[in-house]
Amino acid sequence: MAKTYTPTLIKARDWVRLQIGDHRAGKMVLEDEEIDAVVAAQKQSNRNLAAAACGELIIARAGNVLERRVDDLQIKYGQGDAQTAYSKHLDQLRAAGAQELLSRQSNFRLL
């Protein structure tokens, strides 16, 4: 399993990593294979929805972490802060994905 990121956004995986903030070397949360699987599952929809789904995975893995400490640096999380902002970003990705699906309405035919 690998965790890679190419800033030129060659692969859908790189674009998804950029959108969900999972692109810093040594600090990536999701494995390449996990992102690729989500992108493949969303192939019928789009990469915005794939990014939102991957973001949900990150939130789920974070669980109920309320505090992180590394040496003298301490970060406390509370309700209404970073996770809420991140969730709003994922909502925006979902909305963009839904809008893209609606713009493809020509794919649907009423019988």
PDB file of N, CA and C in Angstrom:
ATOM      1  N   MET A   1       0.843  -1.173   0.000  1.00  0.00           N
ATOM      2  CA  MET A   1       0.000   0.000   0.000  1.00  0.00           C
ATOM      3  C   MET A   1       0.890   1.239   0.000  1.00  0.00           C
ATOM      4  N   ALA A   2       0.436   2.253  -0.711  1.00  0.00           N
ATOM      5  CA  ALA A   2       1.244   3.465  -0.844  1.00  0.00           C
ATOM      6  C   ALA A   2       0.384   4.700  -0.602  1.00  0.00           C
ATOM      7  N   LYS A   3       1.079   5.777  -0.289  1.00  0.00           N
ATOM      8  CA  LYS A   3       0.438   7.085  -0.132  1.00  0.00           C
ATOM      9  C   LYS A   3       1.255   8.064  -0.959  1.00  0.00           C
ATOM     10  N   THR A   4       0.739   8.414  -2.142  1.00  0.00           N
ATOM     11  CA  THR A   4       1.478   9.289  -3.045  1.00  0.00           C
ATOM     12  C   THR A   4       0.629  10.496  -3.443  1.00  0.00           C
ATOM     13  N   TYR A   5       1.320  11.551  -3.887  1.00  0.00           N
ATOM     14  CA  TYR A   5       0.635  12.758  -4.363  1.00  0.00           C
ATOM     15  C   TYR A   5       1.530  13.422  -5.402  1.00  0.00           C
ATOM     16  N   THR A   6       0.953  13.752  -6.548  1.00  0.00           N
ATOM     17  CA  THR A   6       1.662  14.468  -7.600  1.00  0.00           C
ATOM     18  C   THR A   6       0.973  15.820  -7.792  1.00  0.00           C
ATOM     19  N   PRO A   7       1.691  16.930  -7.501  1.00  0.00           N
ATOM     20  CA  PRO A   7       1.070  18.263  -7.569  1.00  0.00           C
ATOM     21  C   PRO A   7       0.534  18.660  -8.938  1.00  0.00           C
ATOM     22  N   THR A   8       0.959  17.977  -9.991  1.00  0.00           N
ATOM     23  CA  THR A   8       0.441  18.307 -11.319  1.00  0.00           C
ATOM     24  C   THR A   8      -0.945  17.730 -11.550  1.00  0.00           C
ATOM     25  N   LEU A   9      -1.466  16.978 -10.564  1.00  0.00           N
ATOM     26  CA  LEU A   9      -2.822  16.419 -10.595  1.00  0.00           C
ATOM     27  C   LEU A   9      -3.051  15.529 -11.809  1.00  0.00           C
ATOM     28  N   ILE A  10      -2.059  14.694 -12.107  1.00  0.00           N
ATOM     29  CA  ILE A  10      -2.143  13.795 -13.261  1.00  0.00           C
ATOM     30  C   ILE A  10      -3.281  12.799 -13.104  1.00  0.00           C
ATOM     31  N   LYS A  11      -3.443  12.265 -11.912  1.00  0.00           N
ATOM     32  CA  LYS A  11      -4.465  11.245 -11.679  1.00  0.00           C
ATOM     33  C   LYS A  11      -5.619  11.829 -10.872  1.00  0.00           C
ATOM     34  N   ALA A  12      -6.777  11.203 -11.002  1.00  0.00           N
ATOM     35  CA  ALA A  12      -7.946  11.617 -10.219  1.00  0.00           C
ATOM     36  C   ALA A  12      -7.619  11.551  -8.730  1.00  0.00           C
ATOM     37  N   ARG A  13      -6.832  10.565  -8.329  1.00  0.00           N
ATOM     38  CA  ARG A  13      -6.433  10.409  -6.930  1.00  0.00           C
ATOM     39  C   ARG A  13      -5.744  11.677  -6.409  1.00  0.00           C
ATOM     40  N   ASP A  14      -4.876  12.295  -7.231  1.00  0.00           N
ATOM     41  CA  ASP A  14      -4.169  13.501  -6.820  1.00  0.00           C
ATOM     42  C   ASP A  14      -5.142  14.666  -6.630  1.00  0.00           C
ATOM     43  N   TRP A  15      -6.115  14.788  -7.540  1.00  0.00           N
ATOM     44  CA  TRP A  15      -7.117  15.854  -7.436  1.00  0.00           C
ATOM     45  C   TRP A  15      -7.937  15.665  -6.160  1.00  0.00           C
ATOM     46  N   VAL A  16      -8.330  14.416  -5.887  1.00  0.00           N
ATOM     47  CA  VAL A  16      -9.098  14.122  -4.675  1.00  0.00           C
ATOM     48  C   VAL A  16      -8.270  14.466  -3.440  1.00  0.00           C
ATOM     49  N   ARG A  17      -7.000  14.051  -3.408  1.00  0.00           N
ATOM     50  CA  ARG A  17      -6.136  14.365  -2.259  1.00  0.00           C
ATOM     51  C   ARG A  17      -6.059  15.878  -2.031  1.00  0.00           C
ATOM     52  N   LEU A  18      -5.901  16.645  -3.115  1.00  0.00           N
ATOM     53  CA  LEU A  18      -5.833  18.099  -2.993  1.00  0.00           C
ATOM     54  C   LEU A  18      -7.123  18.656  -2.396  1.00  0.00           C
ATOM     55  N   GLN A  19      -8.272  18.188  -2.872  1.00  0.00           N
ATOM     56  CA  GLN A  19      -9.566  18.693  -2.417  1.00  0.00           C
ATOM     57  C   GLN A  19      -9.841  18.380  -0.948  1.00  0.00           C
ATOM     58  N   ILE A  20      -9.356  17.251  -0.472  1.00  0.00           N
ATOM     59  CA  ILE A  20      -9.655  16.867   0.911  1.00  0.00           C
ATOM     60  C   ILE A  20      -8.512  17.185   1.867  1.00  0.00           C
ATOM     61  N   GLY A  21      -7.431  17.790   1.349  1.00  0.00           N
ATOM     62  CA  GLY A  21      -6.324  18.190   2.209  1.00  0.00           C
ATOM     63  C   GLY A  21      -5.465  17.028   2.681  1.00  0.00           C
ATOM     64  N   ASP A  22      -5.447  15.951   1.936  1.00  0.00           N
ATOM     65  CA  ASP A  22      -4.691  14.761   2.323  1.00  0.00           C
ATOM     66  C   ASP A  22      -3.491  14.612   1.392  1.00  0.00           C
ATOM     67  N   HIS A  23      -2.659  15.662   1.308  1.00  0.00           N
ATOM     68  CA  HIS A  23      -1.579  15.644   0.330  1.00  0.00           C
ATOM     69  C   HIS A  23      -0.201  15.969   0.905  1.00  0.00           C
ATOM     70  N   ARG A  24      -0.088  16.155   2.198  1.00  0.00           N
ATOM     71  CA  ARG A  24       1.216  16.465   2.789  1.00  0.00           C
ATOM     72  C   ARG A  24       2.017  15.186   3.014  1.00  0.00           C
ATOM     73  N   ALA A  25       3.201  15.153   2.451  1.00  0.00           N
ATOM     74  CA  ALA A  25       4.069  13.969   2.555  1.00  0.00           C
ATOM     75  C   ALA A  25       4.281  13.591   4.015  1.00  0.00           C
ATOM     76  N   GLY A  26       4.147  12.312   4.281  1.00  0.00           N
ATOM     77  CA  GLY A  26       4.347  11.794   5.625  1.00  0.00           C
ATOM     78  C   GLY A  26       3.151  11.962   6.542  1.00  0.00           C
ATOM     79  N   LYS A  27       2.125  12.680   6.103  1.00  0.00           N
ATOM     80  CA  LYS A  27       0.945  12.913   6.936  1.00  0.00           C
ATOM     81  C   LYS A  27      -0.346  12.487   6.247  1.00  0.00           C
ATOM     82  N   MET A  28      -0.230  11.806   5.126  1.00  0.00           N
ATOM     83  CA  MET A  28      -1.420  11.370   4.395  1.00  0.00           C
ATOM     84  C   MET A  28      -2.151  10.300   5.201  1.00  0.00           C
ATOM     85  N   VAL A  29      -3.474  10.367   5.171  1.00  0.00           N
ATOM     86  CA  VAL A  29      -4.312   9.443   5.932  1.00  0.00           C
ATOM     87  C   VAL A  29      -4.745   8.255   5.073  1.00  0.00           C
ATOM     88  N   LEU A  30      -5.229   8.535   3.888  1.00  0.00           N
ATOM     89  CA  LEU A  30      -5.778   7.481   3.035  1.00  0.00           C
ATOM     90  C   LEU A  30      -4.708   6.868   2.134  1.00  0.00           C
ATOM     91  N   GLU A  31      -4.804   5.567   1.941  1.00  0.00           N
ATOM     92  CA  GLU A  31      -3.918   4.857   1.022  1.00  0.00           C
ATOM     93  C   GLU A  31      -4.378   5.135  -0.413  1.00  0.00           C
ATOM     94  N   ASP A  32      -3.418   5.090  -1.351  1.00  0.00           N
ATOM     95  CA  ASP A  32      -3.756   5.289  -2.767  1.00  0.00           C
ATOM     96  C   ASP A  32      -4.870   4.346  -3.205  1.00  0.00           C
ATOM     97  N   GLU A  33      -4.768   3.093  -2.784  1.00  0.00           N
ATOM     98  CA  GLU A  33      -5.742   2.084  -3.200  1.00  0.00           C
ATOM     99  C   GLU A  33      -7.146   2.408  -2.691  1.00  0.00           C
ATOM    100  N   GLU A  34      -7.227   3.005  -1.502  1.00  0.00           N
ATOM    101  CA  GLU A  34      -8.540   3.382  -0.966  1.00  0.00           C
ATOM    102  C   GLU A  34      -9.170   4.476  -1.820  1.00  0.00           C
ATOM    103  N   ILE A  35      -8.379   5.484  -2.151  1.00  0.00           N
ATOM    104  CA  ILE A  35      -8.894   6.579  -2.979  1.00  0.00           C
ATOM    105  C   ILE A  35      -9.268   6.050  -4.360  1.00  0.00           C
ATOM    106  N   ASP A  36      -8.401   5.224  -4.936  1.00  0.00           N
ATOM    107  CA  ASP A  36      -8.693   4.660  -6.265  1.00  0.00           C
ATOM    108  C   ASP A  36     -10.000   3.868  -6.256  1.00  0.00           C
ATOM    109  N   ALA A  37     -10.244   3.129  -5.180  1.00  0.00           N
ATOM    110  CA  ALA A  37     -11.477   2.343  -5.081  1.00  0.00           C
ATOM    111  C   ALA A  37     -12.700   3.254  -5.008  1.00  0.00           C
ATOM    112  N   VAL A  38     -12.607   4.333  -4.240  1.00  0.00           N
ATOM    113  CA  VAL A  38     -13.728   5.272  -4.136  1.00  0.00           C
ATOM    114  C   VAL A  38     -13.959   5.960  -5.484  1.00  0.00           C
ATOM    115  N   VAL A  39     -12.886   6.375  -6.142  1.00  0.00           N
ATOM    116  CA  VAL A  39     -13.013   7.014  -7.461  1.00  0.00           C
ATOM    117  C   VAL A  39     -13.658   6.045  -8.456  1.00  0.00           C
ATOM    118  N   ALA A  40     -13.237   4.792  -8.426  1.00  0.00           N
ATOM    119  CA  ALA A  40     -13.817   3.791  -9.336  1.00  0.00           C
ATOM    120  C   ALA A  40     -15.296   3.580  -9.037  1.00  0.00           C
ATOM    121  N   ALA A  41     -15.662   3.565  -7.763  1.00  0.00           N
ATOM    122  CA  ALA A  41     -17.064   3.371  -7.383  1.00  0.00           C
ATOM    123  C   ALA A  41     -17.909   4.570  -7.794  1.00  0.00           C
ATOM    124  N   GLN A  42     -17.296   5.740  -7.848  1.00  0.00           N
ATOM    125  CA  GLN A  42     -18.017   6.964  -8.217  1.00  0.00           C
ATOM    126  C   GLN A  42     -17.904   7.267  -9.705  1.00  0.00           C
ATOM    127  N   LYS A  43     -17.330   6.352 -10.477  1.00  0.00           N
ATOM    128  CA  LYS A  43     -17.086   6.588 -11.899  1.00  0.00           C
ATOM    129  C   LYS A  43     -18.353   7.036 -12.627  1.00  0.00           C
ATOM    130  N   GLN A  44     -19.494   6.482 -12.234  1.00  0.00           N
ATOM    131  CA  GLN A  44     -20.749   6.865 -12.872  1.00  0.00           C
ATOM    132  C   GLN A  44     -21.178   8.270 -12.463  1.00  0.00           C
ATOM    133  N   SER A  45     -20.650   8.773 -11.360  1.00  0.00           N
ATOM    134  CA  SER A  45     -20.998  10.131 -10.953  1.00  0.00           C
ATOM    135  C   SER A  45     -19.833  11.059 -11.295  1.00  0.00           C
ATOM    136  N   ASN A  46     -19.011  11.427 -10.325  1.00  0.00           N
ATOM    137  CA  ASN A  46     -17.908  12.324 -10.639  1.00  0.00           C
ATOM    138  C   ASN A  46     -16.905  12.433  -9.500  1.00  0.00           C
ATOM    139  N   ARG A  47     -15.812  13.140  -9.764  1.00  0.00           N
ATOM    140  CA  ARG A  47     -14.740  13.210  -8.780  1.00  0.00           C
ATOM    141  C   ARG A  47     -15.088  14.096  -7.587  1.00  0.00           C
ATOM    142  N   ASN A  48     -16.004  15.038  -7.727  1.00  0.00           N
ATOM    143  CA  ASN A  48     -16.437  15.830  -6.569  1.00  0.00           C
ATOM    144  C   ASN A  48     -17.078  14.926  -5.525  1.00  0.00           C
ATOM    145  N   LEU A  49     -17.929  14.025  -5.977  1.00  0.00           N
ATOM    146  CA  LEU A  49     -18.573  13.101  -5.045  1.00  0.00           C
ATOM    147  C   LEU A  49     -17.562  12.112  -4.473  1.00  0.00           C
ATOM    148  N   ALA A  50     -16.580  11.725  -5.277  1.00  0.00           N
ATOM    149  CA  ALA A  50     -15.516  10.840  -4.773  1.00  0.00           C
ATOM    150  C   ALA A  50     -14.716  11.545  -3.692  1.00  0.00           C
ATOM    151  N   ALA A  51     -14.409  12.829  -3.897  1.00  0.00           N
ATOM    152  CA  ALA A  51     -13.660  13.594  -2.894  1.00  0.00           C
ATOM    153  C   ALA A  51     -14.460  13.713  -1.602  1.00  0.00           C
ATOM    154  N   ALA A  52     -15.761  13.971  -1.719  1.00  0.00           N
ATOM    155  CA  ALA A  52     -16.607  14.075  -0.523  1.00  0.00           C
ATOM    156  C   ALA A  52     -16.625  12.740   0.230  1.00  0.00           C
ATOM    157  N   ALA A  53     -16.712  11.628  -0.507  1.00  0.00           N
ATOM    158  CA  ALA A  53     -16.721  10.308   0.132  1.00  0.00           C
ATOM    159  C   ALA A  53     -15.397  10.036   0.846  1.00  0.00           C
ATOM    160  N   CYS A  54     -14.284  10.418   0.236  1.00  0.00           N
ATOM    161  CA  CYS A  54     -12.980  10.228   0.879  1.00  0.00           C
ATOM    162  C   CYS A  54     -12.846  11.124   2.111  1.00  0.00           C
ATOM    163  N   GLY A  55     -13.375  12.323   2.031  1.00  0.00           N
ATOM    164  CA  GLY A  55     -13.357  13.214   3.192  1.00  0.00           C
ATOM    165  C   GLY A  55     -14.127  12.634   4.362  1.00  0.00           C
ATOM    166  N   GLU A  56     -15.241  11.981   4.052  1.00  0.00           N
ATOM    167  CA  GLU A  56     -16.018  11.317   5.106  1.00  0.00           C
ATOM    168  C   GLU A  56     -15.212  10.197   5.755  1.00  0.00           C
ATOM    169  N   LEU A  57     -14.393   9.508   4.961  1.00  0.00           N
ATOM    170  CA  LEU A  57     -13.522   8.471   5.520  1.00  0.00           C
ATOM    171  C   LEU A  57     -12.537   9.070   6.516  1.00  0.00           C
ATOM    172  N   ILE A  58     -11.992  10.230   6.168  1.00  0.00           N
ATOM    173  CA  ILE A  58     -11.041  10.884   7.071  1.00  0.00           C
ATOM    174  C   ILE A  58     -11.724  11.271   8.374  1.00  0.00           C
ATOM    175  N   ILE A  59     -12.920  11.839   8.288  1.00  0.00           N
ATOM    176  CA  ILE A  59     -13.659  12.213   9.503  1.00  0.00           C
ATOM    177  C   ILE A  59     -13.943  10.966  10.341  1.00  0.00           C
ATOM    178  N   ALA A  60     -14.350   9.895   9.687  1.00  0.00           N
ATOM    179  CA  ALA A  60     -14.660   8.665  10.416  1.00  0.00           C
ATOM    180  C   ALA A  60     -13.424   8.117  11.128  1.00  0.00           C
ATOM    181  N   ARG A  61     -12.282   8.220  10.489  1.00  0.00           N
ATOM    182  CA  ARG A  61     -11.049   7.725  11.113  1.00  0.00           C
ATOM    183  C   ARG A  61     -10.595   8.611  12.260  1.00  0.00           C
ATOM    184  N   ALA A  62     -10.903   9.892  12.184  1.00  0.00           N
ATOM    185  CA  ALA A  62     -10.496  10.802  13.267  1.00  0.00           C
ATOM    186  C   ALA A  62     -11.243  10.480  14.544  1.00  0.00           C
ATOM    187  N   GLY A  63     -12.446   9.939  14.383  1.00  0.00           N
ATOM    188  CA  GLY A  63     -13.235   9.553  15.550  1.00  0.00           C
ATOM    189  C   GLY A  63     -13.522  10.728  16.453  1.00  0.00           C
ATOM    190  N   ASN A  64     -13.372  10.517  17.718  1.00  0.00           N
ATOM    191  CA  ASN A  64     -13.680  11.557  18.704  1.00  0.00           C
ATOM    192  C   ASN A  64     -12.417  12.173  19.282  1.00  0.00           C
ATOM    193  N   VAL A  65     -11.417  12.410  18.439  1.00  0.00           N
ATOM    194  CA  VAL A  65     -10.186  13.020  18.922  1.00  0.00           C
ATOM    195  C   VAL A  65     -10.485  14.467  19.304  1.00  0.00           C
ATOM    196  N   LEU A  66     -10.236  14.800  20.552  1.00  0.00           N
ATOM    197  CA  LEU A  66     -10.501  16.149  21.029  1.00  0.00           C
ATOM    198  C   LEU A  66      -9.229  16.945  21.233  1.00  0.00           C
ATOM    199  N   GLU A  67      -8.100  16.255  21.286  1.00  0.00           N
ATOM    200  CA  GLU A  67      -6.856  16.960  21.558  1.00  0.00           C
ATOM    201  C   GLU A  67      -5.694  16.200  20.946  1.00  0.00           C
ATOM    202  N   ARG A  68      -4.746  16.940  20.377  1.00  0.00           N
ATOM    203  CA  ARG A  68      -3.515  16.355  19.861  1.00  0.00           C
ATOM    204  C   ARG A  68      -2.358  17.136  20.465  1.00  0.00           C
ATOM    205  N   ARG A  69      -1.305  16.408  20.834  1.00  0.00           N
ATOM    206  CA  ARG A  69      -0.150  17.064  21.432  1.00  0.00           C
ATOM    207  C   ARG A  69       1.119  16.457  20.842  1.00  0.00           C
ATOM    208  N   VAL A  70       2.018  17.340  20.381  1.00  0.00           N
ATOM    209  CA  VAL A  70       3.334  16.944  19.910  1.00  0.00           C
ATOM    210  C   VAL A  70       4.327  17.905  20.544  1.00  0.00           C
ATOM    211  N   ASP A  71       5.155  17.395  21.427  1.00  0.00           N
ATOM    212  CA  ASP A  71       6.095  18.215  22.176  1.00  0.00           C
ATOM    213  C   ASP A  71       5.357  19.384  22.837  1.00  0.00           C
ATOM    214  N   ASP A  72       5.733  20.615  22.476  1.00  0.00           N
ATOM    215  CA  ASP A  72       5.106  21.791  23.089  1.00  0.00           C
ATOM    216  C   ASP A  72       3.861  22.265  22.345  1.00  0.00           C
ATOM    217  N   LEU A  73       3.594  21.690  21.194  1.00  0.00           N
ATOM    218  CA  LEU A  73       2.424  22.089  20.409  1.00  0.00           C
ATOM    219  C   LEU A  73       1.203  21.289  20.843  1.00  0.00           C
ATOM    220  N   GLN A  74       0.137  21.990  21.144  1.00  0.00           N
ATOM    221  CA  GLN A  74      -1.104  21.345  21.558  1.00  0.00           C
ATOM    222  C   GLN A  74      -2.257  21.944  20.761  1.00  0.00           C
ATOM    223  N   ILE A  75      -3.081  21.075  20.206  1.00  0.00           N
ATOM    224  CA  ILE A  75      -4.257  21.524  19.448  1.00  0.00           C
ATOM    225  C   ILE A  75      -5.470  20.875  20.087  1.00  0.00           C
ATOM    226  N   LYS A  76      -6.444  21.693  20.446  1.00  0.00           N
ATOM    227  CA  LYS A  76      -7.688  21.174  21.013  1.00  0.00           C
ATOM    228  C   LYS A  76      -8.805  21.416  20.007  1.00  0.00           C
ATOM    229  N   TYR A  77      -9.605  20.387  19.835  1.00  0.00           N
ATOM    230  CA  TYR A  77     -10.742  20.478  18.928  1.00  0.00           C
ATOM    231  C   TYR A  77     -12.012  20.557  19.765  1.00  0.00           C
ATOM    232  N   GLY A  78     -12.901  21.384  19.344  1.00  0.00           N
ATOM    233  CA  GLY A  78     -14.192  21.472  20.002  1.00  0.00           C
ATOM    234  C   GLY A  78     -15.272  21.491  18.954  1.00  0.00           C
ATOM    235  N   GLN A  79     -16.489  21.491  19.400  1.00  0.00           N
ATOM    236  CA  GLN A  79     -17.571  21.533  18.428  1.00  0.00           C
ATOM    237  C   GLN A  79     -17.567  22.879  17.722  1.00  0.00           C
ATOM    238  N   GLY A  80     -17.901  22.845  16.451  1.00  0.00           N
ATOM    239  CA  GLY A  80     -18.038  24.075  15.684  1.00  0.00           C
ATOM    240  C   GLY A  80     -16.736  24.617  15.136  1.00  0.00           C
ATOM    241  N   ASP A  81     -15.659  23.854  15.159  1.00  0.00           N
ATOM    242  CA  ASP A  81     -14.405  24.393  14.657  1.00  0.00           C
ATOM    243  C   ASP A  81     -13.939  23.665  13.391  1.00  0.00           C
ATOM    244  N   ALA A  82     -12.764  23.079  13.436  1.00  0.00           N
ATOM    245  CA  ALA A  82     -12.152  22.512  12.230  1.00  0.00           C
ATOM    246  C   ALA A  82     -13.008  21.429  11.580  1.00  0.00           C
ATOM    247  N   GLN A  83     -13.578  20.541  12.359  1.00  0.00           N
ATOM    248  CA  GLN A  83     -14.381  19.466  11.760  1.00  0.00           C
ATOM    249  C   GLN A  83     -15.627  20.030  11.098  1.00  0.00           C
ATOM    250  N   THR A  84     -16.228  21.039  11.693  1.00  0.00           N
ATOM    251  CA  THR A  84     -17.409  21.660  11.089  1.00  0.00           C
ATOM    252  C   THR A  84     -17.037  22.339   9.776  1.00  0.00           C
ATOM    253  N   ALA A  85     -15.915  23.048   9.762  1.00  0.00           N
ATOM    254  CA  ALA A  85     -15.468  23.708   8.536  1.00  0.00           C
ATOM    255  C   ALA A  85     -15.168  22.669   7.453  1.00  0.00           C
ATOM    256  N   TYR A  86     -14.549  21.576   7.851  1.00  0.00           N
ATOM    257  CA  TYR A  86     -14.225  20.516   6.902  1.00  0.00           C
ATOM    258  C   TYR A  86     -15.508  19.879   6.370  1.00  0.00           C
ATOM    259  N   SER A  87     -16.471  19.662   7.245  1.00  0.00           N
ATOM    260  CA  SER A  87     -17.762  19.102   6.823  1.00  0.00           C
ATOM    261  C   SER A  87     -18.465  20.032   5.841  1.00  0.00           C
ATOM    262  N   LYS A  88     -18.355  21.340   6.062  1.00  0.00           N
ATOM    263  CA  LYS A  88     -18.957  22.301   5.123  1.00  0.00           C
ATOM    264  C   LYS A  88     -18.278  22.216   3.763  1.00  0.00           C
ATOM    265  N   HIS A  89     -16.959  22.037   3.773  1.00  0.00           N
ATOM    266  CA  HIS A  89     -16.229  21.880   2.509  1.00  0.00           C
ATOM    267  C   HIS A  89     -16.713  20.624   1.774  1.00  0.00           C
ATOM    268  N   LEU A  90     -16.920  19.534   2.519  1.00  0.00           N
ATOM    269  CA  LEU A  90     -17.422  18.311   1.900  1.00  0.00           C
ATOM    270  C   LEU A  90     -18.830  18.521   1.349  1.00  0.00           C
ATOM    271  N   ASP A  91     -19.647  19.297   2.045  1.00  0.00           N
ATOM    272  CA  ASP A  91     -20.988  19.626   1.530  1.00  0.00           C
ATOM    273  C   ASP A  91     -20.887  20.373   0.210  1.00  0.00           C
ATOM    274  N   GLN A  92     -19.904  21.278   0.105  1.00  0.00           N
ATOM    275  CA  GLN A  92     -19.712  22.017  -1.143  1.00  0.00           C
ATOM    276  C   GLN A  92     -19.288  21.072  -2.275  1.00  0.00           C
ATOM    277  N   LEU A  93     -18.431  20.113  -1.945  1.00  0.00           N
ATOM    278  CA  LEU A  93     -18.035  19.127  -2.963  1.00  0.00           C
ATOM    279  C   LEU A  93     -19.234  18.298  -3.411  1.00  0.00           C
ATOM    280  N   ARG A  94     -20.089  17.910  -2.453  1.00  0.00           N
ATOM    281  CA  ARG A  94     -21.295  17.152  -2.808  1.00  0.00           C
ATOM    282  C   ARG A  94     -22.216  17.979  -3.701  1.00  0.00           C
ATOM    283  N   ALA A  95     -22.371  19.257  -3.368  1.00  0.00           N
ATOM    284  CA  ALA A  95     -23.234  20.140  -4.162  1.00  0.00           C
ATOM    285  C   ALA A  95     -22.681  20.288  -5.581  1.00  0.00           C
ATOM    286  N   ALA A  96     -21.359  20.455  -5.701  1.00  0.00           N
ATOM    287  CA  ALA A  96     -20.745  20.558  -7.028  1.00  0.00           C
ATOM    288  C   ALA A  96     -20.927  19.254  -7.799  1.00  0.00           C
ATOM    289  N   GLY A  97     -20.804  18.131  -7.100  1.00  0.00           N
ATOM    290  CA  GLY A  97     -21.002  16.830  -7.737  1.00  0.00           C
ATOM    291  C   GLY A  97     -22.433  16.644  -8.207  1.00  0.00           C
ATOM    292  N   ALA A  98     -23.383  17.054  -7.369  1.00  0.00           N
ATOM    293  CA  ALA A  98     -24.797  16.942  -7.742  1.00  0.00           C
ATOM    294  C   ALA A  98     -25.104  17.845  -8.937  1.00  0.00           C
ATOM    295  N   GLN A  99     -24.531  19.050  -8.935  1.00  0.00           N
ATOM    296  CA  GLN A  99     -24.753  19.977 -10.045  1.00  0.00           C
ATOM    297  C   GLN A  99     -24.203  19.391 -11.343  1.00  0.00           C
ATOM    298  N   GLU A 100     -23.049  18.746 -11.248  1.00  0.00           N
ATOM    299  CA  GLU A 100     -22.477  18.112 -12.437  1.00  0.00           C
ATOM    300  C   GLU A 100     -23.376  16.992 -12.945  1.00  0.00           C
ATOM    301  N   LEU A 101     -23.934  16.210 -12.027  1.00  0.00           N
ATOM    302  CA  LEU A 101     -24.856  15.147 -12.437  1.00  0.00           C
ATOM    303  C   LEU A 101     -26.097  15.730 -13.105  1.00  0.00           C
ATOM    304  N   LEU A 102     -26.622  16.821 -12.554  1.00  0.00           N
ATOM    305  CA  LEU A 102     -27.804  17.448 -13.144  1.00  0.00           C
ATOM    306  C   LEU A 102     -27.516  18.010 -14.526  1.00  0.00           C
ATOM    307  N   SER A 103     -26.299  18.477 -14.724  1.00  0.00           N
ATOM    308  CA  SER A 103     -25.947  19.029 -16.038  1.00  0.00           C
ATOM    309  C   SER A 103     -25.854  17.941 -17.104  1.00  0.00           C
ATOM    310  N   ARG A 104     -25.771  16.684 -16.670  1.00  0.00           N
ATOM    311  CA  ARG A 104     -25.735  15.546 -17.595  1.00  0.00           C
ATOM    312  C   ARG A 104     -27.123  14.952 -17.798  1.00  0.00           C
ATOM    313  N   GLN A 105     -28.151  15.712 -17.582  1.00  0.00           N
ATOM    314  CA  GLN A 105     -29.519  15.189 -17.672  1.00  0.00           C
ATOM    315  C   GLN A 105     -29.817  14.551 -19.012  1.00  0.00           C
ATOM    316  N   SER A 106     -29.071  14.904 -20.019  1.00  0.00           N
ATOM    317  CA  SER A 106     -29.329  14.309 -21.344  1.00  0.00           C
ATOM    318  C   SER A 106     -29.090  12.799 -21.334  1.00  0.00           C
ATOM    319  N   ASN A 107     -28.433  12.303 -20.268  1.00  0.00           N
ATOM    320  CA  ASN A 107     -28.204  10.859 -20.156  1.00  0.00           C
ATOM    321  C   ASN A 107     -29.474  10.107 -19.761  1.00  0.00           C
ATOM    322  N   PHE A 108     -30.475  10.835 -19.308  1.00  0.00           N
ATOM    323  CA  PHE A 108     -31.701  10.194 -18.834  1.00  0.00           C
ATOM    324  C   PHE A 108     -32.800  10.363 -19.894  1.00  0.00           C
ATOM    325  N   ARG A 109     -33.578   9.329 -20.057  1.00  0.00           N
ATOM    326  CA  ARG A 109     -34.665   9.387 -21.020  1.00  0.00           C
ATOM    327  C   ARG A 109     -35.935   8.910 -20.360  1.00  0.00           C
ATOM    328  N   LEU A 110     -36.988   9.659 -20.522  1.00  0.00           N
ATOM    329  CA  LEU A 110     -38.289   9.236 -20.017  1.00  0.00           C
ATOM    330  C   LEU A 110     -38.960   8.361 -21.047  1.00  0.00           C
ATOM    331  N   LEU A 111     -39.518   7.286 -20.598  1.00  0.00           N
ATOM    332  CA  LEU A 111     -40.204   6.382 -21.523  1.00  0.00           C
ATOM    333  C   LEU A 111     -41.691   6.619 -21.496  1.00  0.00           C
TER     334      LEU A 111
END
